[in-house]
């Protein structure tokens, strides 16, 4: 039995130190997952706590097929989506409409942006766009799966994803233009 299997076994026995160790192993990465779906650190911490309560309550269902981290990640994603649906400030923003303000396009500009800046831009998306974008582009869910998770049509998921993507591309282009203008000013 390897170290992780022993840790899981001790968690299932209710040993607090083992649960703390499992939490410490996965909490930093899972906090990032939760934060991608919420609009504040406080909300992400709430989701993380609720998610780990589910992890410990259902750890016996982990069959050891695949990586434990992936199993925990799925719980965190589902907990995040449920949190968005449950809380009024997010539920109001999760209404999926078909606004004409962001045309759908297949064009992908050649843009350079570091991961931190990209994450910051993703967090500025409207909540519905942000959720669909994260579920599809980051987590790898299909639009059919996203539709089932969010209670929307898979075509709505596709549309919201493309609109989020186009909005991000436009923001990234604007960021690139600002950087180029600042660079040109400094050279003068």
N, C-alpha and C. Protein backbone atom coordinates (compact mmCIF):
# COMPACT_ATOMS: atom_id res chain seq x y z
N UNK A 1 0.86 -1.17 0.00
CA UNK A 1 0.00 0.00 0.00
C UNK A 1 0.91 1.24 0.00
N UNK A 2 0.68 2.17 -0.97
CA UNK A 2 1.53 3.36 -1.03
C UNK A 2 1.05 4.43 -0.03
N UNK A 3 1.82 5.49 0.03
CA UNK A 3 1.56 6.55 1.02
C UNK A 3 0.18 7.19 0.84
N UNK A 4 -0.22 7.44 -0.42
CA UNK A 4 -1.51 8.06 -0.67
C UNK A 4 -2.66 7.12 -0.27
N UNK A 5 -2.52 5.85 -0.56
CA UNK A 5 -3.55 4.88 -0.17
C UNK A 5 -3.68 4.81 1.35
N UNK A 6 -2.55 4.89 2.04
CA UNK A 6 -2.59 4.90 3.52
C UNK A 6 -3.28 6.16 4.03
N UNK A 7 -2.99 7.27 3.38
CA UNK A 7 -3.60 8.54 3.77
C UNK A 7 -5.12 8.48 3.57
N UNK A 8 -5.55 7.95 2.44
CA UNK A 8 -6.98 7.80 2.17
C UNK A 8 -7.62 6.89 3.21
N UNK A 9 -6.96 5.78 3.48
CA UNK A 9 -7.49 4.83 4.48
C UNK A 9 -7.66 5.51 5.84
N UNK A 10 -6.65 6.29 6.26
CA UNK A 10 -6.74 6.99 7.54
C UNK A 10 -7.83 8.07 7.52
N UNK A 11 -8.01 8.73 6.38
CA UNK A 11 -9.09 9.71 6.26
C UNK A 11 -10.44 9.03 6.42
N UNK A 12 -10.58 7.87 5.79
CA UNK A 12 -11.85 7.13 5.88
C UNK A 12 -12.14 6.66 7.30
N UNK A 13 -11.07 6.48 8.09
CA UNK A 13 -11.23 6.11 9.49
C UNK A 13 -11.56 7.32 10.36
N UNK A 14 -11.56 8.51 9.74
CA UNK A 14 -11.90 9.73 10.47
C UNK A 14 -10.73 10.36 11.22
N UNK A 15 -9.51 9.97 10.88
CA UNK A 15 -8.34 10.54 11.56
C UNK A 15 -8.12 11.98 11.09
N UNK A 16 -8.21 12.89 12.03
CA UNK A 16 -8.13 14.32 11.75
C UNK A 16 -6.79 14.70 11.12
N UNK A 17 -5.70 14.17 11.61
CA UNK A 17 -4.38 14.51 11.06
C UNK A 17 -4.26 14.08 9.59
N UNK A 18 -4.84 12.95 9.26
CA UNK A 18 -4.81 12.49 7.87
C UNK A 18 -5.66 13.41 6.99
N UNK A 19 -6.81 13.81 7.50
CA UNK A 19 -7.66 14.73 6.74
C UNK A 19 -6.96 16.07 6.53
N UNK A 20 -6.30 16.54 7.57
CA UNK A 20 -5.55 17.79 7.45
C UNK A 20 -4.45 17.66 6.40
N UNK A 21 -3.76 16.53 6.41
CA UNK A 21 -2.67 16.30 5.44
C UNK A 21 -3.23 16.25 4.01
N UNK A 22 -4.33 15.58 3.80
CA UNK A 22 -4.95 15.52 2.48
C UNK A 22 -5.36 16.92 2.02
N UNK A 23 -5.95 17.66 2.94
CA UNK A 23 -6.35 19.04 2.65
C UNK A 23 -5.12 19.86 2.25
N UNK A 24 -4.06 19.78 3.02
CA UNK A 24 -2.84 20.55 2.74
C UNK A 24 -2.21 20.17 1.41
N UNK A 25 -2.35 18.91 1.02
CA UNK A 25 -1.80 18.46 -0.26
C UNK A 25 -2.54 19.07 -1.45
N UNK A 26 -3.86 19.16 -1.34
CA UNK A 26 -4.65 19.55 -2.50
C UNK A 26 -5.28 20.94 -2.43
N UNK A 27 -5.36 21.55 -1.27
CA UNK A 27 -6.06 22.83 -1.13
C UNK A 27 -5.49 23.95 -2.00
N UNK A 28 -4.16 24.13 -2.08
CA UNK A 28 -3.68 25.25 -2.91
C UNK A 28 -4.13 25.16 -4.37
N UNK A 29 -4.01 24.00 -4.97
CA UNK A 29 -4.44 23.83 -6.36
C UNK A 29 -5.95 23.99 -6.48
N UNK A 30 -6.69 23.43 -5.56
CA UNK A 30 -8.15 23.48 -5.63
C UNK A 30 -8.68 24.89 -5.34
N UNK A 31 -7.94 25.67 -4.57
CA UNK A 31 -8.32 27.07 -4.35
C UNK A 31 -8.29 27.80 -5.69
N UNK A 32 -7.31 27.50 -6.51
CA UNK A 32 -7.24 28.10 -7.84
C UNK A 32 -8.44 27.73 -8.69
N UNK A 33 -8.87 26.48 -8.59
CA UNK A 33 -10.05 26.02 -9.33
C UNK A 33 -11.27 26.81 -8.86
N UNK A 34 -11.47 26.89 -7.57
CA UNK A 34 -12.63 27.59 -7.01
C UNK A 34 -12.61 29.08 -7.36
N UNK A 35 -11.44 29.68 -7.32
CA UNK A 35 -11.30 31.11 -7.58
C UNK A 35 -11.61 31.44 -9.04
N UNK A 36 -11.37 30.51 -9.94
CA UNK A 36 -11.67 30.73 -11.36
C UNK A 36 -13.17 30.92 -11.59
N UNK A 37 -14.00 30.38 -10.74
CA UNK A 37 -15.44 30.44 -10.94
C UNK A 37 -16.12 31.54 -10.15
N UNK A 38 -15.48 32.04 -9.12
CA UNK A 38 -16.09 33.05 -8.26
C UNK A 38 -15.46 34.41 -8.53
N UNK A 39 -15.99 35.41 -7.90
CA UNK A 39 -15.50 36.77 -8.12
C UNK A 39 -14.71 37.33 -6.93
N UNK A 40 -14.53 36.52 -5.88
CA UNK A 40 -13.76 37.00 -4.74
C UNK A 40 -13.05 35.84 -4.05
N UNK A 41 -11.99 36.17 -3.34
CA UNK A 41 -11.25 35.17 -2.58
C UNK A 41 -12.14 34.58 -1.49
N UNK A 42 -12.94 35.44 -0.87
CA UNK A 42 -13.84 34.98 0.20
C UNK A 42 -14.80 33.90 -0.32
N UNK A 43 -15.41 34.17 -1.47
CA UNK A 43 -16.33 33.19 -2.06
C UNK A 43 -15.59 31.90 -2.44
N UNK A 44 -14.39 32.05 -2.99
CA UNK A 44 -13.60 30.87 -3.36
C UNK A 44 -13.26 30.04 -2.13
N UNK A 45 -12.95 30.70 -1.02
CA UNK A 45 -12.67 29.97 0.22
C UNK A 45 -13.91 29.22 0.71
N UNK A 46 -15.08 29.84 0.57
CA UNK A 46 -16.33 29.17 0.95
C UNK A 46 -16.54 27.91 0.10
N UNK A 47 -16.32 28.05 -1.20
CA UNK A 47 -16.48 26.91 -2.11
C UNK A 47 -15.47 25.83 -1.78
N UNK A 48 -14.23 26.22 -1.51
CA UNK A 48 -13.18 25.26 -1.16
C UNK A 48 -13.56 24.47 0.09
N UNK A 49 -14.03 25.18 1.10
CA UNK A 49 -14.42 24.51 2.35
C UNK A 49 -15.58 23.54 2.11
N UNK A 50 -16.59 24.01 1.39
CA UNK A 50 -17.74 23.16 1.10
C UNK A 50 -17.31 21.95 0.24
N UNK A 51 -16.41 22.20 -0.70
CA UNK A 51 -15.92 21.12 -1.56
C UNK A 51 -15.17 20.06 -0.77
N UNK A 52 -14.32 20.48 0.16
CA UNK A 52 -13.58 19.49 0.95
C UNK A 52 -14.50 18.74 1.91
N UNK A 53 -15.55 19.38 2.36
CA UNK A 53 -16.52 18.64 3.18
C UNK A 53 -17.12 17.50 2.35
N UNK A 54 -17.40 17.78 1.08
CA UNK A 54 -17.92 16.74 0.18
C UNK A 54 -16.86 15.68 -0.10
N UNK A 55 -15.61 16.11 -0.26
CA UNK A 55 -14.52 15.15 -0.49
C UNK A 55 -14.46 14.15 0.66
N UNK A 56 -14.45 14.65 1.88
CA UNK A 56 -14.34 13.76 3.03
C UNK A 56 -15.61 12.91 3.22
N UNK A 57 -16.76 13.48 2.89
CA UNK A 57 -18.01 12.73 3.03
C UNK A 57 -18.12 11.60 2.00
N UNK A 58 -17.50 11.78 0.84
CA UNK A 58 -17.65 10.82 -0.25
C UNK A 58 -16.34 10.12 -0.63
N UNK A 59 -15.33 10.27 0.18
CA UNK A 59 -14.02 9.68 -0.14
C UNK A 59 -14.10 8.18 -0.33
N UNK A 60 -15.01 7.54 0.34
CA UNK A 60 -15.19 6.10 0.18
C UNK A 60 -15.63 5.71 -1.22
N UNK A 61 -16.15 6.67 -1.98
CA UNK A 61 -16.58 6.41 -3.35
C UNK A 61 -15.44 6.49 -4.35
N UNK A 62 -14.30 7.04 -3.91
CA UNK A 62 -13.14 7.09 -4.80
C UNK A 62 -12.63 5.66 -4.99
N UNK A 63 -12.66 5.20 -6.22
CA UNK A 63 -12.34 3.81 -6.51
C UNK A 63 -10.86 3.57 -6.78
N UNK A 64 -10.06 4.63 -6.80
CA UNK A 64 -8.64 4.46 -7.06
C UNK A 64 -8.33 4.36 -8.55
N UNK A 65 -9.36 4.47 -9.37
CA UNK A 65 -9.16 4.47 -10.82
C UNK A 65 -8.90 5.91 -11.23
N UNK A 66 -7.71 6.19 -11.65
CA UNK A 66 -7.36 7.57 -11.97
C UNK A 66 -6.72 8.25 -10.78
N UNK A 67 -6.46 9.51 -10.97
CA UNK A 67 -5.75 10.29 -9.96
C UNK A 67 -6.72 10.90 -8.95
N UNK A 68 -6.34 10.86 -7.69
CA UNK A 68 -7.18 11.44 -6.64
C UNK A 68 -7.38 12.94 -6.89
N UNK A 69 -6.35 13.63 -7.33
CA UNK A 69 -6.45 15.07 -7.60
C UNK A 69 -7.51 15.39 -8.64
N UNK A 70 -7.63 14.55 -9.66
CA UNK A 70 -8.65 14.76 -10.69
C UNK A 70 -10.04 14.55 -10.12
N UNK A 71 -10.18 13.56 -9.25
CA UNK A 71 -11.46 13.28 -8.60
C UNK A 71 -11.86 14.47 -7.71
N UNK A 72 -10.91 14.99 -6.96
CA UNK A 72 -11.17 16.14 -6.09
C UNK A 72 -11.51 17.36 -6.94
N UNK A 73 -10.79 17.56 -8.05
CA UNK A 73 -11.03 18.70 -8.94
C UNK A 73 -12.48 18.68 -9.45
N UNK A 74 -12.95 17.51 -9.83
CA UNK A 74 -14.33 17.41 -10.33
C UNK A 74 -15.32 17.82 -9.24
N UNK A 75 -15.06 17.42 -8.01
CA UNK A 75 -15.93 17.83 -6.90
C UNK A 75 -15.89 19.35 -6.74
N UNK A 76 -14.70 19.93 -6.83
CA UNK A 76 -14.57 21.38 -6.68
C UNK A 76 -15.28 22.13 -7.80
N UNK A 77 -15.17 21.64 -9.01
CA UNK A 77 -15.86 22.29 -10.14
C UNK A 77 -17.37 22.21 -9.93
N UNK A 78 -17.88 21.03 -9.58
CA UNK A 78 -19.31 20.88 -9.35
C UNK A 78 -19.78 21.74 -8.17
N UNK A 79 -18.98 21.81 -7.12
CA UNK A 79 -19.32 22.64 -5.96
C UNK A 79 -19.33 24.11 -6.36
N UNK A 80 -18.38 24.52 -7.19
CA UNK A 80 -18.33 25.91 -7.67
C UNK A 80 -19.57 26.26 -8.47
N UNK A 81 -19.95 25.37 -9.39
CA UNK A 81 -21.14 25.62 -10.21
C UNK A 81 -22.38 25.69 -9.33
N UNK A 82 -22.50 24.78 -8.37
CA UNK A 82 -23.65 24.81 -7.46
C UNK A 82 -23.67 26.09 -6.64
N UNK A 83 -22.49 26.56 -6.24
CA UNK A 83 -22.38 27.80 -5.48
C UNK A 83 -22.89 28.97 -6.32
N UNK A 84 -22.51 29.01 -7.60
CA UNK A 84 -22.97 30.08 -8.48
C UNK A 84 -24.49 30.06 -8.62
N UNK A 85 -25.04 28.87 -8.74
CA UNK A 85 -26.49 28.73 -8.89
C UNK A 85 -27.24 29.11 -7.62
N UNK A 86 -26.62 28.85 -6.47
CA UNK A 86 -27.27 29.01 -5.17
C UNK A 86 -27.26 30.46 -4.67
N UNK A 87 -26.25 31.23 -5.00
CA UNK A 87 -26.10 32.57 -4.43
C UNK A 87 -26.64 33.63 -5.38
N UNK A 88 -27.46 34.50 -4.83
CA UNK A 88 -28.21 35.48 -5.61
C UNK A 88 -27.31 36.33 -6.50
N UNK A 89 -26.19 36.84 -5.97
CA UNK A 89 -25.36 37.74 -6.77
C UNK A 89 -24.81 37.04 -8.01
N UNK A 90 -24.62 35.74 -7.96
CA UNK A 90 -24.16 34.99 -9.12
C UNK A 90 -25.33 34.52 -9.98
N UNK A 91 -26.40 34.09 -9.33
CA UNK A 91 -27.55 33.58 -10.06
C UNK A 91 -28.10 34.65 -11.00
N UNK A 92 -28.12 35.89 -10.55
CA UNK A 92 -28.60 36.99 -11.38
C UNK A 92 -27.71 37.17 -12.60
N UNK A 93 -26.40 36.94 -12.45
CA UNK A 93 -25.46 37.10 -13.56
C UNK A 93 -25.38 35.86 -14.43
N UNK A 94 -25.95 34.75 -13.98
CA UNK A 94 -25.86 33.50 -14.73
C UNK A 94 -27.02 33.34 -15.72
N UNK A 95 -27.82 34.37 -15.88
CA UNK A 95 -28.90 34.31 -16.85
C UNK A 95 -28.26 34.31 -18.23
N UNK A 96 -28.54 33.29 -19.00
CA UNK A 96 -27.94 33.16 -20.32
C UNK A 96 -28.86 33.75 -21.37
N UNK A 97 -28.44 34.90 -21.85
CA UNK A 97 -29.21 35.58 -22.89
C UNK A 97 -28.38 35.60 -24.16
N UNK A 98 -28.94 36.08 -25.20
CA UNK A 98 -28.25 36.16 -26.48
C UNK A 98 -28.03 37.63 -26.85
N UNK A 99 -27.18 38.35 -26.09
CA UNK A 99 -26.97 39.76 -26.42
C UNK A 99 -26.22 39.90 -27.74
N UNK A 100 -26.50 40.97 -28.46
CA UNK A 100 -25.85 41.19 -29.75
C UNK A 100 -24.55 41.97 -29.62
N UNK A 101 -24.11 42.23 -28.39
CA UNK A 101 -22.94 43.09 -28.21
C UNK A 101 -21.62 42.42 -28.54
N UNK A 102 -21.55 41.10 -28.61
CA UNK A 102 -20.30 40.40 -28.89
C UNK A 102 -20.50 39.45 -30.06
N UNK A 103 -20.16 39.87 -31.28
CA UNK A 103 -20.38 38.99 -32.42
C UNK A 103 -19.52 37.74 -32.32
N UNK A 104 -20.08 36.65 -32.78
CA UNK A 104 -19.36 35.38 -32.77
C UNK A 104 -18.46 35.34 -33.99
N UNK A 105 -17.21 34.96 -33.78
CA UNK A 105 -16.24 34.90 -34.87
C UNK A 105 -15.30 33.73 -34.66
N UNK A 106 -14.83 33.17 -35.74
CA UNK A 106 -13.87 32.06 -35.66
C UNK A 106 -12.43 32.55 -35.72
N UNK A 107 -12.22 33.85 -35.91
CA UNK A 107 -10.87 34.39 -36.04
C UNK A 107 -10.17 34.34 -34.69
N UNK A 108 -8.91 33.95 -34.72
CA UNK A 108 -8.10 33.93 -33.52
C UNK A 108 -6.85 34.77 -33.77
N UNK A 109 -6.77 35.95 -33.20
CA UNK A 109 -5.58 36.77 -33.43
C UNK A 109 -4.36 36.16 -32.75
N UNK A 110 -3.20 36.46 -33.30
CA UNK A 110 -1.95 35.99 -32.72
C UNK A 110 -1.57 36.96 -31.60
N UNK A 111 -1.80 36.54 -30.37
CA UNK A 111 -1.61 37.42 -29.23
C UNK A 111 -0.68 36.79 -28.21
N UNK A 112 0.03 37.66 -27.52
CA UNK A 112 0.93 37.19 -26.46
C UNK A 112 0.51 37.83 -25.15
N UNK A 113 0.32 36.99 -24.13
CA UNK A 113 -0.11 37.47 -22.83
C UNK A 113 0.33 36.44 -21.80
N UNK A 114 0.82 36.91 -20.66
CA UNK A 114 1.24 35.91 -19.67
C UNK A 114 0.02 35.34 -18.94
N UNK A 115 0.21 34.21 -18.30
CA UNK A 115 -0.90 33.46 -17.68
C UNK A 115 -1.61 34.30 -16.63
N UNK A 116 -0.87 35.06 -15.85
CA UNK A 116 -1.48 35.87 -14.78
C UNK A 116 -2.43 36.91 -15.37
N UNK A 117 -1.99 37.57 -16.45
CA UNK A 117 -2.84 38.58 -17.09
C UNK A 117 -4.07 37.93 -17.72
N UNK A 118 -3.88 36.76 -18.33
CA UNK A 118 -5.01 36.06 -18.94
C UNK A 118 -6.03 35.66 -17.87
N UNK A 119 -5.56 35.14 -16.75
CA UNK A 119 -6.47 34.76 -15.66
C UNK A 119 -7.24 35.98 -15.16
N UNK A 120 -6.56 37.10 -15.07
CA UNK A 120 -7.21 38.33 -14.63
C UNK A 120 -8.31 38.74 -15.60
N UNK A 121 -8.04 38.63 -16.89
CA UNK A 121 -9.06 38.97 -17.89
C UNK A 121 -10.24 38.00 -17.83
N UNK A 122 -9.97 36.71 -17.66
CA UNK A 122 -11.05 35.72 -17.57
C UNK A 122 -11.95 36.05 -16.39
N UNK A 123 -11.36 36.48 -15.29
CA UNK A 123 -12.16 36.80 -14.09
C UNK A 123 -13.03 38.03 -14.30
N UNK A 124 -12.71 38.85 -15.31
CA UNK A 124 -13.51 40.04 -15.59
C UNK A 124 -14.72 39.74 -16.49
N UNK A 125 -14.76 38.55 -17.04
CA UNK A 125 -15.90 38.16 -17.87
C UNK A 125 -17.17 38.15 -17.03
N UNK A 126 -18.32 38.40 -17.66
CA UNK A 126 -19.58 38.19 -16.93
C UNK A 126 -19.62 36.74 -16.42
N UNK A 127 -20.28 36.53 -15.31
CA UNK A 127 -20.25 35.23 -14.62
C UNK A 127 -20.62 34.06 -15.53
N UNK A 128 -21.66 34.21 -16.33
CA UNK A 128 -22.07 33.13 -17.23
C UNK A 128 -20.99 32.79 -18.25
N UNK A 129 -20.41 33.82 -18.86
CA UNK A 129 -19.33 33.62 -19.82
C UNK A 129 -18.14 32.94 -19.12
N UNK A 130 -17.82 33.45 -17.94
CA UNK A 130 -16.67 32.94 -17.19
C UNK A 130 -16.85 31.46 -16.86
N UNK A 131 -18.04 31.09 -16.43
CA UNK A 131 -18.29 29.69 -16.06
C UNK A 131 -18.15 28.79 -17.28
N UNK A 132 -18.79 29.16 -18.39
CA UNK A 132 -18.73 28.33 -19.59
C UNK A 132 -17.30 28.27 -20.13
N UNK A 133 -16.62 29.39 -20.15
CA UNK A 133 -15.24 29.42 -20.66
C UNK A 133 -14.35 28.51 -19.82
N UNK A 134 -14.43 28.63 -18.50
CA UNK A 134 -13.62 27.78 -17.62
C UNK A 134 -13.95 26.31 -17.79
N UNK A 135 -15.23 25.99 -17.85
CA UNK A 135 -15.63 24.59 -17.97
C UNK A 135 -15.13 23.98 -19.28
N UNK A 136 -15.19 24.74 -20.36
CA UNK A 136 -14.79 24.19 -21.66
C UNK A 136 -13.29 24.31 -21.91
N UNK A 137 -12.76 25.53 -21.81
CA UNK A 137 -11.36 25.76 -22.18
C UNK A 137 -10.37 25.26 -21.14
N UNK A 138 -10.72 25.36 -19.88
CA UNK A 138 -9.78 24.99 -18.81
C UNK A 138 -10.02 23.56 -18.33
N UNK A 139 -11.27 23.23 -18.03
CA UNK A 139 -11.57 21.91 -17.47
C UNK A 139 -11.77 20.84 -18.54
N UNK A 140 -12.07 21.24 -19.77
CA UNK A 140 -12.20 20.28 -20.86
C UNK A 140 -13.55 19.61 -21.00
N UNK A 141 -14.59 20.16 -20.39
CA UNK A 141 -15.93 19.59 -20.54
C UNK A 141 -16.48 19.89 -21.93
N UNK A 142 -17.30 18.99 -22.44
CA UNK A 142 -17.96 19.22 -23.73
C UNK A 142 -19.13 20.19 -23.49
N UNK A 143 -19.64 20.75 -24.58
CA UNK A 143 -20.77 21.67 -24.44
C UNK A 143 -22.03 20.94 -23.98
N UNK A 144 -22.16 19.68 -24.35
CA UNK A 144 -23.29 18.88 -23.87
C UNK A 144 -23.20 18.73 -22.35
N UNK A 145 -22.00 18.41 -21.84
CA UNK A 145 -21.81 18.27 -20.39
C UNK A 145 -22.04 19.59 -19.68
N UNK A 146 -21.55 20.68 -20.26
CA UNK A 146 -21.73 22.00 -19.66
C UNK A 146 -23.21 22.35 -19.61
N UNK A 147 -23.92 22.06 -20.68
CA UNK A 147 -25.36 22.31 -20.71
C UNK A 147 -26.08 21.58 -19.59
N UNK A 148 -25.69 20.32 -19.37
CA UNK A 148 -26.31 19.55 -18.30
C UNK A 148 -25.96 20.13 -16.94
N UNK A 149 -24.71 20.53 -16.76
CA UNK A 149 -24.27 21.07 -15.47
C UNK A 149 -24.97 22.39 -15.14
N UNK A 150 -25.12 23.24 -16.15
CA UNK A 150 -25.67 24.58 -15.92
C UNK A 150 -27.17 24.67 -16.20
N UNK A 151 -27.74 23.60 -16.71
CA UNK A 151 -29.16 23.62 -17.01
C UNK A 151 -29.48 24.48 -18.23
N UNK A 152 -28.58 24.47 -19.21
CA UNK A 152 -28.79 25.25 -20.43
C UNK A 152 -28.64 24.33 -21.64
N UNK A 153 -29.04 24.81 -22.78
CA UNK A 153 -28.91 24.09 -24.03
C UNK A 153 -27.43 24.04 -24.43
N UNK A 154 -26.99 22.95 -25.06
CA UNK A 154 -25.58 22.87 -25.46
C UNK A 154 -25.24 23.93 -26.50
N UNK A 155 -26.21 24.36 -27.32
CA UNK A 155 -25.94 25.44 -28.27
C UNK A 155 -25.73 26.77 -27.54
N UNK A 156 -26.44 26.96 -26.44
CA UNK A 156 -26.23 28.16 -25.63
C UNK A 156 -24.83 28.13 -25.05
N UNK A 157 -24.38 26.97 -24.61
CA UNK A 157 -23.02 26.83 -24.09
C UNK A 157 -22.01 27.20 -25.17
N UNK A 158 -22.20 26.69 -26.38
CA UNK A 158 -21.28 27.00 -27.49
C UNK A 158 -21.25 28.51 -27.75
N UNK A 159 -22.43 29.09 -27.79
CA UNK A 159 -22.55 30.52 -28.06
C UNK A 159 -21.86 31.35 -26.97
N UNK A 160 -22.12 30.99 -25.70
CA UNK A 160 -21.53 31.72 -24.58
C UNK A 160 -20.00 31.57 -24.60
N UNK A 161 -19.53 30.38 -24.95
CA UNK A 161 -18.08 30.15 -25.03
C UNK A 161 -17.46 31.04 -26.11
N UNK A 162 -18.07 31.05 -27.29
CA UNK A 162 -17.53 31.87 -28.38
C UNK A 162 -17.57 33.35 -28.05
N UNK A 163 -18.64 33.77 -27.40
CA UNK A 163 -18.73 35.18 -27.01
C UNK A 163 -17.67 35.53 -25.97
N UNK A 164 -17.46 34.64 -25.02
CA UNK A 164 -16.41 34.87 -24.02
C UNK A 164 -15.04 34.91 -24.69
N UNK A 165 -14.82 33.98 -25.58
CA UNK A 165 -13.54 33.91 -26.29
C UNK A 165 -13.30 35.18 -27.11
N UNK A 166 -14.33 35.62 -27.82
CA UNK A 166 -14.19 36.84 -28.62
C UNK A 166 -13.97 38.07 -27.77
N UNK A 167 -14.66 38.14 -26.65
CA UNK A 167 -14.49 39.26 -25.74
C UNK A 167 -13.06 39.26 -25.19
N UNK A 168 -12.58 38.08 -24.80
CA UNK A 168 -11.19 37.97 -24.31
C UNK A 168 -10.20 38.38 -25.39
N UNK A 169 -10.42 37.94 -26.61
CA UNK A 169 -9.51 38.31 -27.71
C UNK A 169 -9.48 39.82 -27.90
N UNK A 170 -10.65 40.43 -27.83
CA UNK A 170 -10.71 41.89 -27.99
C UNK A 170 -9.96 42.59 -26.85
N UNK A 171 -10.16 42.12 -25.61
CA UNK A 171 -9.46 42.71 -24.47
C UNK A 171 -7.95 42.50 -24.59
N UNK A 172 -7.56 41.33 -25.03
CA UNK A 172 -6.13 41.03 -25.18
C UNK A 172 -5.52 41.93 -26.25
N UNK A 173 -6.23 42.12 -27.35
CA UNK A 173 -5.74 43.03 -28.40
C UNK A 173 -5.56 44.43 -27.84
N UNK A 174 -6.52 44.88 -27.03
CA UNK A 174 -6.42 46.20 -26.43
C UNK A 174 -5.22 46.29 -25.50
N UNK A 175 -4.98 45.22 -24.72
CA UNK A 175 -3.82 45.18 -23.83
C UNK A 175 -2.52 45.25 -24.63
N UNK A 176 -2.48 44.51 -25.72
CA UNK A 176 -1.29 44.51 -26.58
C UNK A 176 -1.05 45.90 -27.17
N UNK A 177 -2.12 46.56 -27.61
CA UNK A 177 -1.97 47.91 -28.15
C UNK A 177 -1.44 48.87 -27.09
N UNK A 178 -1.95 48.76 -25.87
CA UNK A 178 -1.47 49.61 -24.78
C UNK A 178 0.01 49.38 -24.52
N UNK A 179 0.42 48.10 -24.49
CA UNK A 179 1.83 47.78 -24.25
C UNK A 179 2.71 48.34 -25.35
N UNK A 180 2.26 48.22 -26.59
CA UNK A 180 3.05 48.72 -27.72
C UNK A 180 3.15 50.24 -27.69
N UNK A 181 2.05 50.91 -27.33
CA UNK A 181 2.07 52.37 -27.23
C UNK A 181 3.02 52.82 -26.12
N UNK A 182 2.97 52.15 -24.99
CA UNK A 182 3.86 52.50 -23.88
C UNK A 182 5.32 52.26 -24.26
N UNK A 183 5.58 51.18 -24.95
CA UNK A 183 6.95 50.86 -25.38
C UNK A 183 7.45 51.93 -26.36
N UNK A 184 6.57 52.36 -27.29
CA UNK A 184 6.97 53.38 -28.27
C UNK A 184 7.24 54.70 -27.58
N UNK A 185 6.43 55.07 -26.58
CA UNK A 185 6.65 56.32 -25.85
C UNK A 185 7.99 56.31 -25.11
N UNK A 186 8.32 55.17 -24.52
CA UNK A 186 9.58 55.08 -23.77
C UNK A 186 10.79 55.20 -24.69
N UNK A 187 10.65 54.74 -25.92
CA UNK A 187 11.78 54.81 -26.85
C UNK A 187 12.00 56.21 -27.37
N UNK A 188 10.96 57.06 -27.34
CA UNK A 188 11.09 58.44 -27.81
C UNK A 188 11.74 59.23 -26.74
